[in-house]
Amino acid sequence: MQPGAPAGAKSSGRSIASSFVDDDDVIQNGSTGTRMVDGVERTIHTSGSVQVVTEQSGQVVITINPFSGGK
């Protein structure tokens, strides 16, 4: 899970190890919230400075967002 360079950036994005996202950390131990998007329930898992957005009860990862600051 290594994002490419954002448009116009001179360097690549920040890497997030898949083991950090998987069952061991963000999805299993992070705080969660839900949101409906186009009639589909998405779960947002947050731990530290990473958010993982999933569908189908955590079975499908939609996106991984590194961020700084609050929720």
PDB file of N, CA and C in Angstrom:
ATOM      1  N   MET A   1       0.843  -1.169   0.000  1.00  0.00           N
ATOM      2  CA  MET A   1       0.000   0.000   0.000  1.00  0.00           C
ATOM      3  C   MET A   1       0.886   1.228   0.000  1.00  0.00           C
ATOM      4  N   GLN A   2       1.378   1.560  -1.158  1.00  0.00           N
ATOM      5  CA  GLN A   2       2.222   2.727  -1.279  1.00  0.00           C
ATOM      6  C   GLN A   2       1.623   3.662  -2.306  1.00  0.00           C
ATOM      7  N   PRO A   3       1.100   4.789  -1.855  1.00  0.00           N
ATOM      8  CA  PRO A   3       0.478   5.708  -2.796  1.00  0.00           C
ATOM      9  C   PRO A   3       1.512   6.334  -3.709  1.00  0.00           C
ATOM     10  N   GLY A   4       1.104   6.697  -4.902  1.00  0.00           N
ATOM     11  CA  GLY A   4       1.979   7.400  -5.824  1.00  0.00           C
ATOM     12  C   GLY A   4       2.053   8.864  -5.475  1.00  0.00           C
ATOM     13  N   ALA A   5       2.752   9.603  -6.305  1.00  0.00           N
ATOM     14  CA  ALA A   5       2.898  11.035  -6.066  1.00  0.00           C
ATOM     15  C   ALA A   5       1.586  11.754  -6.363  1.00  0.00           C
ATOM     16  N   PRO A   6       1.170  12.649  -5.481  1.00  0.00           N
ATOM     17  CA  PRO A   6      -0.009  13.460  -5.775  1.00  0.00           C
ATOM     18  C   PRO A   6       0.277  14.347  -6.987  1.00  0.00           C
ATOM     19  N   ALA A   7      -0.748  14.757  -7.688  1.00  0.00           N
ATOM     20  CA  ALA A   7      -0.572  15.599  -8.860  1.00  0.00           C
ATOM     21  C   ALA A   7       0.228  16.843  -8.512  1.00  0.00           C
ATOM     22  N   GLY A   8       1.255  17.109  -9.290  1.00  0.00           N
ATOM     23  CA  GLY A   8       2.081  18.293  -9.086  1.00  0.00           C
ATOM     24  C   GLY A   8       3.145  18.151  -8.018  1.00  0.00           C
ATOM     25  N   ALA A   9       3.208  17.016  -7.326  1.00  0.00           N
ATOM     26  CA  ALA A   9       4.197  16.826  -6.260  1.00  0.00           C
ATOM     27  C   ALA A   9       5.527  16.395  -6.842  1.00  0.00           C
ATOM     28  N   LYS A  10       6.597  16.736  -6.158  1.00  0.00           N
ATOM     29  CA  LYS A  10       7.928  16.353  -6.605  1.00  0.00           C
ATOM     30  C   LYS A  10       8.390  15.037  -6.001  1.00  0.00           C
ATOM     31  N   SER A  11       7.699  14.546  -4.990  1.00  0.00           N
ATOM     32  CA  SER A  11       8.078  13.279  -4.366  1.00  0.00           C
ATOM     33  C   SER A  11       6.835  12.416  -4.190  1.00  0.00           C
ATOM     34  N   SER A  12       7.066  11.133  -3.892  1.00  0.00           N
ATOM     35  CA  SER A  12       5.930  10.224  -3.725  1.00  0.00           C
ATOM     36  C   SER A  12       5.223  10.463  -2.401  1.00  0.00           C
ATOM     37  N   GLY A  13       4.046   9.901  -2.285  1.00  0.00           N
ATOM     38  CA  GLY A  13       3.255  10.024  -1.065  1.00  0.00           C
ATOM     39  C   GLY A  13       3.853   9.225   0.070  1.00  0.00           C
ATOM     40  N   ARG A  14       3.230   9.297   1.226  1.00  0.00           N
ATOM     41  CA  ARG A  14       3.695   8.602   2.415  1.00  0.00           C
ATOM     42  C   ARG A  14       3.219   7.158   2.387  1.00  0.00           C
ATOM     43  N   SER A  15       4.116   6.224   2.660  1.00  0.00           N
ATOM     44  CA  SER A  15       3.750   4.807   2.682  1.00  0.00           C
ATOM     45  C   SER A  15       3.100   4.441   4.003  1.00  0.00           C
ATOM     46  N   ILE A  16       2.128   3.555   3.945  1.00  0.00           N
ATOM     47  CA  ILE A  16       1.488   3.033   5.145  1.00  0.00           C
ATOM     48  C   ILE A  16       1.567   1.521   5.046  1.00  0.00           C
ATOM     49  N   ALA A  17       2.246   0.895   5.976  1.00  0.00           N
ATOM     50  CA  ALA A  17       2.422  -0.555   5.947  1.00  0.00           C
ATOM     51  C   ALA A  17       1.084  -1.265   6.068  1.00  0.00           C
ATOM     52  N   SER A  18       0.888  -2.281   5.241  1.00  0.00           N
ATOM     53  CA  SER A  18      -0.384  -3.010   5.267  1.00  0.00           C
ATOM     54  C   SER A  18      -0.632  -3.661   6.624  1.00  0.00           C
ATOM     55  N   SER A  19       0.421  -4.054   7.327  1.00  0.00           N
ATOM     56  CA  SER A  19       0.238  -4.666   8.643  1.00  0.00           C
ATOM     57  C   SER A  19      -0.336  -3.665   9.641  1.00  0.00           C
ATOM     58  N   PHE A  20      -0.072  -2.382   9.434  1.00  0.00           N
ATOM     59  CA  PHE A  20      -0.627  -1.349  10.307  1.00  0.00           C
ATOM     60  C   PHE A  20      -2.123  -1.200  10.076  1.00  0.00           C
ATOM     61  N   VAL A  21      -2.561  -1.400   8.846  1.00  0.00           N
ATOM     62  CA  VAL A  21      -3.963  -1.240   8.480  1.00  0.00           C
ATOM     63  C   VAL A  21      -4.771  -2.480   8.818  1.00  0.00           C
ATOM     64  N   ASP A  22      -4.208  -3.653   8.613  1.00  0.00           N
ATOM     65  CA  ASP A  22      -4.917  -4.918   8.751  1.00  0.00           C
ATOM     66  C   ASP A  22      -5.430  -5.151  10.163  1.00  0.00           C
ATOM     67  N   ASP A  23      -5.794  -6.374  10.397  1.00  0.00           N
ATOM     68  CA  ASP A  23      -6.461  -6.778  11.633  1.00  0.00           C
ATOM     69  C   ASP A  23      -5.739  -6.373  12.910  1.00  0.00           C
ATOM     70  N   ASP A  24      -4.426  -6.183  12.851  1.00  0.00           N
ATOM     71  CA  ASP A  24      -3.672  -5.931  14.070  1.00  0.00           C
ATOM     72  C   ASP A  24      -3.878  -4.540  14.653  1.00  0.00           C
ATOM     73  N   ASP A  25      -4.209  -3.558  13.824  1.00  0.00           N
ATOM     74  CA  ASP A  25      -4.206  -2.217  14.389  1.00  0.00           C
ATOM     75  C   ASP A  25      -5.430  -1.384  14.045  1.00  0.00           C
ATOM     76  N   VAL A  26      -5.412  -0.660  12.975  1.00  0.00           N
ATOM     77  CA  VAL A  26      -6.450   0.340  12.721  1.00  0.00           C
ATOM     78  C   VAL A  26      -7.850  -0.266  12.681  1.00  0.00           C
ATOM     79  N   ILE A  27      -8.055  -1.320  11.892  1.00  0.00           N
ATOM     80  CA  ILE A  27      -9.399  -1.875  11.737  1.00  0.00           C
ATOM     81  C   ILE A  27      -9.893  -2.524  13.024  1.00  0.00           C
ATOM     82  N   GLN A  28      -9.054  -3.271  13.715  1.00  0.00           N
ATOM     83  CA  GLN A  28      -9.489  -3.964  14.925  1.00  0.00           C
ATOM     84  C   GLN A  28      -9.486  -3.080  16.167  1.00  0.00           C
ATOM     85  N   ASN A  29      -8.516  -2.165  16.270  1.00  0.00           N
ATOM     86  CA  ASN A  29      -8.337  -1.438  17.522  1.00  0.00           C
ATOM     87  C   ASN A  29      -8.666   0.049  17.464  1.00  0.00           C
ATOM     88  N   GLY A  30      -8.866   0.591  16.269  1.00  0.00           N
ATOM     89  CA  GLY A  30      -9.149   2.018  16.150  1.00  0.00           C
ATOM     90  C   GLY A  30     -10.588   2.340  16.524  1.00  0.00           C
ATOM     91  N   SER A  31     -10.848   3.627  16.681  1.00  0.00           N
ATOM     92  CA  SER A  31     -12.229   4.052  16.924  1.00  0.00           C
ATOM     93  C   SER A  31     -12.982   3.994  15.599  1.00  0.00           C
ATOM     94  N   THR A  32     -14.289   3.796  15.658  1.00  0.00           N
ATOM     95  CA  THR A  32     -15.063   3.648  14.432  1.00  0.00           C
ATOM     96  C   THR A  32     -16.266   4.576  14.406  1.00  0.00           C
ATOM     97  N   GLY A  33     -16.667   4.899  13.198  1.00  0.00           N
ATOM     98  CA  GLY A  33     -17.882   5.655  12.950  1.00  0.00           C
ATOM     99  C   GLY A  33     -18.435   5.188  11.624  1.00  0.00           C
ATOM    100  N   THR A  34     -19.704   5.435  11.367  1.00  0.00           N
ATOM    101  CA  THR A  34     -20.295   5.011  10.103  1.00  0.00           C
ATOM    102  C   THR A  34     -20.858   6.209   9.364  1.00  0.00           C
ATOM    103  N   ARG A  35     -20.965   6.045   8.053  1.00  0.00           N
ATOM    104  CA  ARG A  35     -21.500   7.081   7.184  1.00  0.00           C
ATOM    105  C   ARG A  35     -22.128   6.399   5.975  1.00  0.00           C
ATOM    106  N   MET A  36     -23.266   6.900   5.533  1.00  0.00           N
ATOM    107  CA  MET A  36     -23.905   6.381   4.324  1.00  0.00           C
ATOM    108  C   MET A  36     -23.404   7.166   3.117  1.00  0.00           C
ATOM    109  N   VAL A  37     -22.949   6.442   2.080  1.00  0.00           N
ATOM    110  CA  VAL A  37     -22.494   7.053   0.836  1.00  0.00           C
ATOM    111  C   VAL A  37     -23.211   6.348  -0.306  1.00  0.00           C
ATOM    112  N   ASP A  38     -24.044   7.072  -1.022  1.00  0.00           N
ATOM    113  CA  ASP A  38     -24.819   6.506  -2.134  1.00  0.00           C
ATOM    114  C   ASP A  38     -25.576   5.244  -1.723  1.00  0.00           C
ATOM    115  N   GLY A  39     -26.164   5.266  -0.536  1.00  0.00           N
ATOM    116  CA  GLY A  39     -26.959   4.142  -0.052  1.00  0.00           C
ATOM    117  C   GLY A  39     -26.159   2.973   0.492  1.00  0.00           C
ATOM    118  N   VAL A  40     -24.834   3.123   0.580  1.00  0.00           N
ATOM    119  CA  VAL A  40     -23.971   2.056   1.091  1.00  0.00           C
ATOM    120  C   VAL A  40     -23.338   2.531   2.391  1.00  0.00           C
ATOM    121  N   GLU A  41     -23.423   1.682   3.426  1.00  0.00           N
ATOM    122  CA  GLU A  41     -22.824   2.047   4.700  1.00  0.00           C
ATOM    123  C   GLU A  41     -21.316   1.857   4.659  1.00  0.00           C
ATOM    124  N   ARG A  42     -20.579   2.905   5.018  1.00  0.00           N
ATOM    125  CA  ARG A  42     -19.122   2.837   5.123  1.00  0.00           C
ATOM    126  C   ARG A  42     -18.741   3.010   6.586  1.00  0.00           C
ATOM    127  N   THR A  43     -17.718   2.279   6.990  1.00  0.00           N
ATOM    128  CA  THR A  43     -17.198   2.395   8.343  1.00  0.00           C
ATOM    129  C   THR A  43     -15.838   3.076   8.265  1.00  0.00           C
ATOM    130  N   ILE A  44     -15.655   4.100   9.088  1.00  0.00           N
ATOM    131  CA  ILE A  44     -14.384   4.817   9.148  1.00  0.00           C
ATOM    132  C   ILE A  44     -13.683   4.401  10.425  1.00  0.00           C
ATOM    133  N   HIS A  45     -12.535   3.751  10.267  1.00  0.00           N
ATOM    134  CA  HIS A  45     -11.713   3.299  11.386  1.00  0.00           C
ATOM    135  C   HIS A  45     -10.575   4.308  11.532  1.00  0.00           C
ATOM    136  N   THR A  46     -10.374   4.844  12.742  1.00  0.00           N
ATOM    137  CA  THR A  46      -9.337   5.848  12.967  1.00  0.00           C
ATOM    138  C   THR A  46      -8.429   5.412  14.103  1.00  0.00           C
ATOM    139  N   SER A  47      -7.118   5.493  13.838  1.00  0.00           N
ATOM    140  CA  SER A  47      -6.127   5.200  14.872  1.00  0.00           C
ATOM    141  C   SER A  47      -4.926   6.099  14.633  1.00  0.00           C
ATOM    142  N   GLY A  48      -4.592   6.888  15.636  1.00  0.00           N
ATOM    143  CA  GLY A  48      -3.462   7.802  15.477  1.00  0.00           C
ATOM    144  C   GLY A  48      -3.703   8.749  14.326  1.00  0.00           C
ATOM    145  N   SER A  49      -2.821   8.721  13.325  1.00  0.00           N
ATOM    146  CA  SER A  49      -2.941   9.631  12.190  1.00  0.00           C
ATOM    147  C   SER A  49      -3.363   8.912  10.908  1.00  0.00           C
ATOM    148  N   VAL A  50      -4.094   7.801  11.049  1.00  0.00           N
ATOM    149  CA  VAL A  50      -4.537   7.045   9.878  1.00  0.00           C
ATOM    150  C   VAL A  50      -6.034   6.762   9.972  1.00  0.00           C
ATOM    151  N   GLN A  51      -6.725   6.944   8.852  1.00  0.00           N
ATOM    152  CA  GLN A  51      -8.127   6.543   8.733  1.00  0.00           C
ATOM    153  C   GLN A  51      -8.217   5.487   7.639  1.00  0.00           C
ATOM    154  N   VAL A  52      -8.964   4.426   7.910  1.00  0.00           N
ATOM    155  CA  VAL A  52      -9.232   3.383   6.925  1.00  0.00           C
ATOM    156  C   VAL A  52     -10.740   3.339   6.736  1.00  0.00           C
ATOM    157  N   VAL A  53     -11.183   3.495   5.494  1.00  0.00           N
ATOM    158  CA  VAL A  53     -12.605   3.479   5.182  1.00  0.00           C
ATOM    159  C   VAL A  53     -12.933   2.129   4.563  1.00  0.00           C
ATOM    160  N   THR A  54     -13.927   1.436   5.134  1.00  0.00           N
ATOM    161  CA  THR A  54     -14.299   0.106   4.651  1.00  0.00           C
ATOM    162  C   THR A  54     -15.787   0.028   4.349  1.00  0.00           C
ATOM    163  N   GLU A  55     -16.146  -1.001   3.593  1.00  0.00           N
ATOM    164  CA  GLU A  55     -17.541  -1.370   3.342  1.00  0.00           C
ATOM    165  C   GLU A  55     -17.684  -2.849   3.659  1.00  0.00           C
ATOM    166  N   GLN A  56     -18.907  -3.326   3.649  1.00  0.00           N
ATOM    167  CA  GLN A  56     -19.233  -4.736   3.866  1.00  0.00           C
ATOM    168  C   GLN A  56     -18.640  -5.258   5.181  1.00  0.00           C
ATOM    169  N   SER A  57     -18.952  -4.563   6.259  1.00  0.00           N
ATOM    170  CA  SER A  57     -18.522  -4.951   7.611  1.00  0.00           C
ATOM    171  C   SER A  57     -17.009  -5.091   7.738  1.00  0.00           C
ATOM    172  N   GLY A  58     -16.272  -4.202   7.085  1.00  0.00           N
ATOM    173  CA  GLY A  58     -14.819  -4.212   7.197  1.00  0.00           C
ATOM    174  C   GLY A  58     -14.118  -5.154   6.241  1.00  0.00           C
ATOM    175  N   GLN A  59     -14.864  -5.810   5.376  1.00  0.00           N
ATOM    176  CA  GLN A  59     -14.267  -6.786   4.467  1.00  0.00           C
ATOM    177  C   GLN A  59     -13.632  -6.149   3.227  1.00  0.00           C
ATOM    178  N   VAL A  60     -14.093  -4.945   2.840  1.00  0.00           N
ATOM    179  CA  VAL A  60     -13.581  -4.277   1.644  1.00  0.00           C
ATOM    180  C   VAL A  60     -13.015  -2.921   2.053  1.00  0.00           C
ATOM    181  N   VAL A  61     -11.709  -2.709   1.811  1.00  0.00           N
ATOM    182  CA  VAL A  61     -11.073  -1.435   2.112  1.00  0.00           C
ATOM    183  C   VAL A  61     -11.286  -0.509   0.919  1.00  0.00           C
ATOM    184  N   ILE A  62     -11.863   0.661   1.176  1.00  0.00           N
ATOM    185  CA  ILE A  62     -12.137   1.636   0.139  1.00  0.00           C
ATOM    186  C   ILE A  62     -10.963   2.593  -0.019  1.00  0.00           C
ATOM    187  N   THR A  63     -10.460   3.116   1.075  1.00  0.00           N
ATOM    188  CA  THR A  63      -9.337   4.051   1.014  1.00  0.00           C
ATOM    189  C   THR A  63      -8.617   4.092   2.355  1.00  0.00           C
ATOM    190  N   ILE A  64      -7.376   4.537   2.301  1.00  0.00           N
ATOM    191  CA  ILE A  64      -6.547   4.720   3.491  1.00  0.00           C
ATOM    192  C   ILE A  64      -6.057   6.149   3.462  1.00  0.00           C
ATOM    193  N   ASN A  65      -6.341   6.905   4.512  1.00  0.00           N
ATOM    194  CA  ASN A  65      -6.017   8.321   4.551  1.00  0.00           C
ATOM    195  C   ASN A  65      -5.073   8.651   5.696  1.00  0.00           C
ATOM    196  N   PRO A  66      -3.836   9.046   5.373  1.00  0.00           N
ATOM    197  CA  PRO A  66      -2.987   9.613   6.439  1.00  0.00           C
ATOM    198  C   PRO A  66      -3.447  11.052   6.665  1.00  0.00           C
ATOM    199  N   PHE A  67      -3.493  11.501   7.884  1.00  0.00           N
ATOM    200  CA  PHE A  67      -3.902  12.862   8.159  1.00  0.00           C
ATOM    201  C   PHE A  67      -3.221  13.332   9.420  1.00  0.00           C
ATOM    202  N   SER A  68      -3.279  14.624   9.665  1.00  0.00           N
ATOM    203  CA  SER A  68      -2.765  15.158  10.921  1.00  0.00           C
ATOM    204  C   SER A  68      -3.888  15.939  11.569  1.00  0.00           C
ATOM    205  N   GLY A  69      -3.954  15.877  12.843  1.00  0.00           N
ATOM    206  CA  GLY A  69      -5.000  16.590  13.562  1.00  0.00           C
ATOM    207  C   GLY A  69      -6.106  15.680  14.019  1.00  0.00           C
ATOM    208  N   GLY A  70      -7.251  16.277  14.299  1.00  0.00           N
ATOM    209  CA  GLY A  70      -8.393  15.531  14.828  1.00  0.00           C
ATOM    210  C   GLY A  70      -9.141  14.785  13.762  1.00  0.00           C
ATOM    211  N   LYS A  71     -10.324  14.300  14.139  1.00  0.00           N
ATOM    212  CA  LYS A  71     -11.150  13.488  13.248  1.00  0.00           C
ATOM    213  C   LYS A  71     -11.792  14.307  12.159  1.00  0.00           C
TER     214      LYS A  71
END
